[in-house]
Every structure is written in structure tokens, then in C-alpha cells.
Protein backbone atom coordinates (compact mmCIF):
# COMPACT_ATOMS: atom_id res chain seq x y z
CA MET A 1 130.49 146.35 158.97
CA SER A 2 133.11 147.71 161.28
CA ILE A 3 136.85 146.70 160.40
CA THR A 4 139.66 147.55 162.67
CA ALA A 5 143.29 147.69 161.55
CA GLN A 6 146.40 148.06 163.00
CA VAL A 7 148.66 150.45 161.05
CA GLU A 8 152.30 150.91 161.19
CA ARG A 9 154.09 153.64 159.13
CA PHE A 10 157.75 154.31 158.88
CA VAL A 11 160.67 155.21 156.33
CA ALA A 12 162.99 152.32 154.96
CA MET A 13 164.18 151.18 151.56
CA GLY A 14 164.09 154.78 150.47
CA THR A 15 160.37 155.14 150.81
CA ARG A 16 157.29 155.37 152.89
CA ILE A 17 156.38 151.78 154.28
CA GLU A 18 152.75 151.23 155.29
CA LEU A 19 151.70 148.09 157.06
CA TYR A 20 147.84 147.21 157.80
CA VAL A 21 146.98 144.21 159.71
CA PHE A 22 143.44 142.90 160.22
CA GLY A 23 141.96 140.73 162.87
CA ALA A 24 143.13 139.95 166.30
CA ASP A 25 145.80 142.07 168.29
CA HIS A 26 149.08 141.40 166.33
CA ALA A 27 151.23 143.81 167.92
CA ALA A 28 154.19 141.36 167.96
CA ALA A 29 153.65 140.48 164.36
CA MET A 30 153.94 144.09 163.33
CA ILE A 31 157.13 144.56 165.18
CA ALA A 32 158.48 141.31 163.32
CA ALA A 33 157.19 142.62 160.00
CA ARG A 34 158.98 145.93 160.46
CA ARG A 35 162.07 144.36 161.60
CA ALA A 36 162.24 142.23 158.54
CA ILE A 37 161.86 145.14 156.14
CA GLU A 38 164.37 147.04 158.09
CA ARG A 39 166.79 144.05 158.04
CA VAL A 40 166.61 144.08 154.10
CA ASP A 41 167.35 147.84 154.16
CA ASP A 42 170.33 147.41 156.30
CA ALA A 43 171.66 144.53 154.01
CA LEU A 44 170.96 146.05 150.74
CA THR A 45 171.26 149.63 150.86
CA ILE A 46 173.94 151.44 148.81
CA HIS A 47 173.44 154.77 150.60
CA ARG A 48 175.26 154.01 153.85
CA PRO A 49 177.81 151.35 154.86
CA SER A 50 176.18 147.94 154.36
CA PRO A 51 177.09 144.41 153.32
CA THR A 52 176.32 145.68 149.83
CA THR A 53 178.78 148.40 149.86
CA ALA A 54 181.34 146.12 151.20
CA VAL A 55 180.73 143.86 148.07
CA ASN A 56 180.96 146.88 145.66
CA ASP A 57 184.04 147.84 147.02
CA ALA A 58 185.51 144.53 146.25
CA LEU A 59 184.00 144.27 142.90
CA LEU A 60 185.17 147.85 141.82
CA ALA A 61 188.53 146.83 142.99
CA GLY A 62 188.72 143.63 140.89
CA ARG A 63 188.65 141.27 144.01
CA GLY A 64 186.57 138.48 144.71
CA VAL A 65 184.48 138.51 147.81
CA ALA A 66 182.92 135.84 150.27
CA ILE A 67 179.46 136.81 151.13
CA ASP A 68 177.93 135.87 154.56
CA ASP A 69 174.85 137.84 154.93
CA PRO A 70 171.78 135.60 154.31
CA VAL A 71 169.61 138.51 152.85
CA LEU A 72 172.43 139.53 150.44
CA ILE A 73 172.86 135.80 149.41
CA GLU A 74 168.79 135.67 148.86
CA ALA A 75 169.03 138.81 146.67
CA LEU A 76 171.76 137.51 144.49
CA VAL A 77 170.06 134.00 143.98
CA ALA A 78 166.96 135.76 143.16
CA ILE A 79 168.78 138.08 140.56
CA GLU A 80 170.57 135.22 139.00
CA GLU A 81 167.27 133.61 138.23
CA VAL A 82 165.30 136.50 137.05
CA HIS A 83 168.18 137.76 134.93
CA ALA A 84 168.05 134.52 133.05
CA GLU A 85 164.10 134.69 132.74
CA THR A 86 164.14 137.94 131.40
CA GLU A 87 167.08 137.34 128.93
CA GLY A 88 169.12 139.83 130.80
CA ALA A 89 166.56 142.82 130.86
CA PHE A 90 166.81 142.84 134.65
CA ASP A 91 170.46 143.69 135.37
CA PRO A 92 171.30 145.32 138.82
CA SER A 93 174.72 146.16 137.64
CA ALA A 94 173.96 147.87 134.44
CA ASP A 95 175.76 151.43 134.72
CA ARG A 96 177.21 153.35 132.05
CA ARG A 97 179.97 154.30 134.18
CA PHE A 98 181.44 151.02 133.95
CA GLY A 99 181.80 150.80 130.04
CA GLY A 100 179.05 148.25 129.49
CA ALA A 101 179.85 145.88 132.33
CA GLY A 102 176.79 143.87 133.70
CA TRP A 103 175.70 140.65 135.55
CA GLY A 104 177.21 138.67 132.60
CA ASP A 105 180.69 139.96 133.92
CA LEU A 106 179.92 138.43 137.24
CA MET A 107 180.64 134.85 138.58
CA PHE A 108 178.37 133.85 141.47
CA ASP A 109 179.34 130.70 143.10
CA ARG A 110 176.14 129.79 145.04
CA ARG A 111 177.38 126.88 146.90
CA ALA A 112 180.44 128.76 148.25
CA ALA A 113 178.42 131.99 148.45
CA LYS A 114 181.45 133.91 146.59
CA LEU A 115 181.21 136.59 144.08
CA PHE A 116 183.80 137.50 141.31
CA ALA A 117 183.81 140.35 138.91
CA LEU A 118 185.54 139.92 135.43
CA LYS A 119 185.27 143.83 134.98
CA PRO A 120 184.81 146.49 137.76
CA LEU A 121 181.20 146.97 138.52
CA ALA A 122 178.83 147.42 141.37
CA LEU A 123 175.32 146.40 142.30
CA ASP A 124 172.07 148.44 143.02
CA PHE A 125 169.32 146.49 144.38
CA GLY A 126 166.85 149.51 143.89
CA GLY A 127 164.91 147.29 141.13
CA ILE A 128 164.24 144.25 143.37
CA GLY A 129 164.90 145.42 146.95
CA LYS A 130 161.36 146.51 148.07
CA GLY A 131 159.88 143.36 146.81
CA ILE A 132 162.25 141.18 148.78
CA ALA A 133 161.56 143.30 151.94
CA LEU A 134 157.74 142.90 151.50
CA ASP A 135 158.26 139.10 150.94
CA ARG A 136 160.16 138.98 154.16
CA ALA A 137 157.69 141.02 155.96
CA CYS A 138 154.72 138.96 154.70
CA ALA A 139 156.29 135.53 155.78
CA ALA A 140 156.77 137.10 159.26
CA LEU A 141 153.16 138.12 159.61
CA ARG A 142 151.98 134.70 158.22
CA ASP A 143 154.38 132.90 160.81
CA ALA A 144 152.84 135.13 163.48
CA GLY A 145 149.22 133.76 162.31
CA VAL A 146 148.20 136.89 160.56
CA ALA A 147 145.38 135.95 158.26
CA SER A 148 144.75 139.44 156.44
CA ALA A 149 147.24 142.14 155.76
CA CYS A 150 148.15 144.56 153.04
CA LEU A 151 151.73 146.04 152.90
CA SER A 152 152.98 149.09 150.83
CA ALA A 153 156.27 150.45 149.93
CA GLY A 154 155.78 153.75 148.17
CA GLU A 155 152.53 152.61 146.68
CA SER A 156 154.44 151.14 143.56
CA SER A 157 155.20 147.86 145.35
CA ILE A 158 152.42 146.16 147.37
CA ALA A 159 151.81 142.69 148.77
CA VAL A 160 148.88 141.40 150.51
CA VAL A 161 148.62 138.32 153.03
CA GLY A 162 145.24 136.21 152.71
CA LYS A 163 142.01 137.59 151.49
CA HIS A 164 140.50 141.14 152.06
CA PRO A 165 139.02 141.39 155.54
CA LEU A 166 135.44 141.69 153.84
CA GLY A 167 136.19 138.64 151.80
CA GLY A 168 137.55 138.28 148.34
CA GLY A 169 140.45 139.57 146.62
CA TRP A 170 142.21 142.93 147.49
CA PRO A 171 140.92 145.37 144.78
CA PHE A 172 143.53 147.83 143.24
CA ALA A 173 143.00 150.48 140.56
CA ILE A 174 146.30 151.52 138.85
CA PRO A 175 146.06 155.28 137.84
CA HIS A 176 147.81 156.73 135.04
CA PRO A 177 151.31 158.12 136.14
CA ARG A 178 150.71 161.42 134.99
CA GLY A 179 147.47 161.90 137.12
CA GLY A 180 143.92 162.74 136.08
CA ASP A 181 141.10 160.30 136.29
CA VAL A 182 142.40 157.61 133.99
CA VAL A 183 142.59 154.07 135.34
CA LEU A 184 145.01 151.93 133.49
CA VAL A 185 143.80 148.40 135.02
CA GLU A 186 141.73 147.12 137.80
CA LEU A 187 143.14 144.12 139.59
CA GLU A 188 142.31 141.80 142.52
CA ILE A 189 145.05 139.97 144.49
CA VAL A 190 144.99 137.24 146.97
CA ASN A 191 148.40 136.18 148.68
CA GLU A 192 150.28 138.00 146.02
CA ALA A 193 152.44 140.96 145.11
CA LEU A 194 151.84 143.85 142.82
CA SER A 195 154.80 145.96 141.22
CA ILE A 196 154.41 149.42 139.16
CA SER A 197 157.31 150.73 137.46
CA THR A 198 157.16 153.60 134.99
CA THR A 199 159.48 156.22 133.15
CA VAL A 200 157.23 159.05 133.72
CA GLY A 201 155.13 160.89 136.41
CA ALA A 202 156.07 162.08 139.81
CA GLY A 203 159.24 160.68 141.21
CA THR A 204 161.06 159.51 138.17
CA GLN A 205 163.30 162.77 138.05
CA ALA A 206 164.48 162.58 141.62
CA PRO A 207 168.07 163.04 141.98
CA GLU A 208 168.64 159.61 143.76
CA ARG A 209 166.75 157.45 141.01
CA ALA A 210 168.98 155.68 138.76
CA ALA A 211 168.50 156.02 135.11
CA MET A 212 166.51 153.35 133.33
CA ILE A 213 169.14 151.57 131.38
CA ARG A 214 168.88 148.89 128.60
CA PRO A 215 171.59 146.46 129.52
CA SER A 216 171.81 145.07 126.04
CA ASP A 217 173.18 148.24 124.54
CA GLY A 218 173.39 150.82 127.47
CA ALA A 219 170.67 153.11 126.08
CA ILE A 220 168.62 155.16 128.41
CA MET A 221 165.13 154.68 128.25
CA THR A 222 163.11 157.75 127.44
CA ALA A 223 159.96 156.04 125.88
CA ALA A 224 156.81 156.74 128.26
CA ARG A 225 155.94 153.40 129.52
CA CYS A 226 154.22 152.00 132.59
CA ALA A 227 154.42 148.29 133.61
CA VAL A 228 152.38 146.46 136.15
CA VAL A 229 153.23 142.80 137.23
CA VAL A 230 151.32 140.63 139.71
CA ASP A 231 153.20 137.69 141.08
CA ARG A 232 153.38 135.49 143.98
CA ASN A 233 156.82 136.72 144.86
CA GLY A 234 157.28 140.58 145.38
CA GLY A 235 160.96 140.61 144.37
CA ARG A 236 160.27 138.60 141.08
CA ALA A 237 157.35 141.01 140.51
CA GLU A 238 159.60 144.04 141.04
CA ALA A 239 162.36 142.80 138.65
CA LEU A 240 159.88 141.81 135.96
CA SER A 241 158.12 145.13 135.96
CA THR A 242 161.64 146.90 135.62
CA ALA A 243 162.70 144.45 132.73
CA LEU A 244 159.47 145.29 130.74
CA LEU A 245 160.37 148.93 130.66
CA VAL A 246 163.86 148.50 129.29
CA ALA A 247 162.94 145.43 126.92
CA ASP A 248 162.81 146.15 123.27
CA ASP A 249 159.63 145.39 121.60
CA ASP A 250 160.29 141.78 120.72
CA LEU A 251 161.64 140.95 124.23
CA ALA A 252 158.67 142.77 125.89
CA GLN A 253 156.30 140.52 123.76
CA ARG A 254 157.85 137.41 124.97
CA LEU A 255 158.17 138.55 128.65
CA LEU A 256 154.32 139.61 128.64
CA HIS A 257 153.26 136.12 127.34
CA ARG A 258 155.71 134.02 129.37
CA GLY A 259 154.96 132.21 132.74
CA ALA A 260 151.53 132.53 134.97
CA ALA A 261 152.05 135.88 136.25
CA ARG A 262 149.69 138.82 135.09
CA ARG A 263 151.85 141.32 133.24
CA PHE A 264 150.88 144.52 131.59
CA LEU A 265 152.90 147.03 129.57
CA TYR A 266 151.42 150.61 128.42
CA ASP A 267 152.41 152.92 125.94
CA LEU A 268 151.84 156.32 127.46
CA SER A 269 153.10 158.21 124.56
CA GLN A 270 149.76 159.33 123.04
CA GLU A 271 148.97 161.87 125.55
CA ALA A 272 146.22 163.85 123.37
CA ALA A 273 143.59 161.38 124.72
CA PRO A 274 145.08 159.32 127.62
CA THR A 275 142.33 156.59 127.86
CA VAL A 276 142.53 152.98 128.06
CA ASP A 277 141.63 152.95 124.45
CA VAL A 278 144.80 154.45 123.47
CA VAL A 279 147.33 152.58 125.88
CA ARG A 280 148.84 149.31 124.76
CA MET A 281 148.21 146.65 127.11
CA GLN A 282 149.24 143.01 127.13
CA ALA A 283 148.29 140.43 129.74
CA VAL A 284 148.58 136.78 130.46
């Protein structure tokens, strides 16, 4: 059976974005999806002037700031919720440069869309931004009538619209981050998002990558781990996979067994025989 896909590839959110849309001609939908992703990039980037850098300038100067960008407001609301759900393990303001300051030192007034910092700090949406971008792109595709699509941001953040064009779920095999023929887990997803976070493998030593910091004590995470999360919401999936990497063992167990999402955490420290028999896996 022949399947025709419309494909769009471009760079945004600091990574390679790929959009695969199946079915009728959806050129306008593809444009809308790309614009949705680029809009999130423009709002949340810290690598060029943006609404986020303007907010960070105010927070570092000890000033309160009113927020009028809808994407930034959406991101702050999402972070507030997932920060509570992960018992503080997901914290986009954790940074050793600021003396242990974190999300708990922020006051976010949702109704007035204002943000205040009790200590100097800055926000980095690297642990949730790609998921938010894919969520918005999927919404644009659905609004345009797309019934089947797959979106990837750097191959570590994935979202799908509908079922696979051949029917059933979209199949994914998650490889060991260090390569080889080892598959950590095989999954099928429908109208869901998939996030993979790891402390090892290609890309983790890149200069632009922020260190993995445990917010509770400021420790830099060096344990060889890989977290995989499937959730209906891409931003939430990204935040949860990041939280699992930095959580201590007790908190990790609570997060793995909480909620309806499929969550997996692998201990990759046993490199002598890197097979699924020696990795630690928990799932709900």
C-alpha cells in the first residue's frame, strides 16, 4: 500500500524539526504548524531578545514584571502545575549561579499575569519548550482537518495526531542512548506525545546544554539515566521526563506510579551487559 506524506523540515527551538502529514493536500496546515512552532521559539528563547529575556532582565534586577505574551503565560501556567506535581523536581529556574534560588522564590499571579522574584533568578524553558511547541503545532493541524501526522523535535520530543496512516498506533522503539542494538522499550501512541531525556549519549555534553540540576539540593546529576514519558500533553511529558532524571530514588518511585501517563526510568550504569535485563524499568 502506497502512503504519501507531506514533509517539512526546519530548525527551531534549537533543534531539527520534522513534520510528516498524511492524507489530502494540507499545505496550508503545514504552514500553520510551522508558524505555531516558530511562535513558541520566538516567545521562549533565551538565545536572542524575546519576551522571556525581557522577563529575565526584570527578575535578575529584582523587579516585578507584567507579562502580555500568551505563549509565555501558557508556559508559566504549565510550569506552575508540573512543578507542584513533581514535588519541585521540575524547576526551570534552578541554577547554581543564583545561590539556590528557584521556582519557590517566584510569585506568579495568574489573574494579573504578573511575575515577582523574591531573589534574583532567571527562567530557562529548555525542559518544556519543545513540548509546548509540538502541542501548539498539533492543535493547528487538527484545526485544519489533519487526521494523521507525526511531529519530531530533535527526535527526543515527538507528538502524533490521530492514528498511523496504516491504522493503529504509531510504533516507536526507544534505543539505548549510547547506541548499539539495544532497545529500551517499544511503544505505540495515538494522539499523544513522547519525551526522552537522558544524562548520557550524544548531545549531553554540548556547550549550550544546561547542566542537570537537582533543585532540592543543587547537585549536578551524574548518574547514567534515561527517562521516557508518554502523555496527552507534550509540555507535560517533557517536564516529567526531566523531573525523573533529577529526582532522588524515593521521589522517582512516586513519580513513576502517579497518574495515568506511561513513565519509564532506566539505570544505565551497568555497561558490561547493556540489555533490557539489566536496566531498571518502571511503568504505569
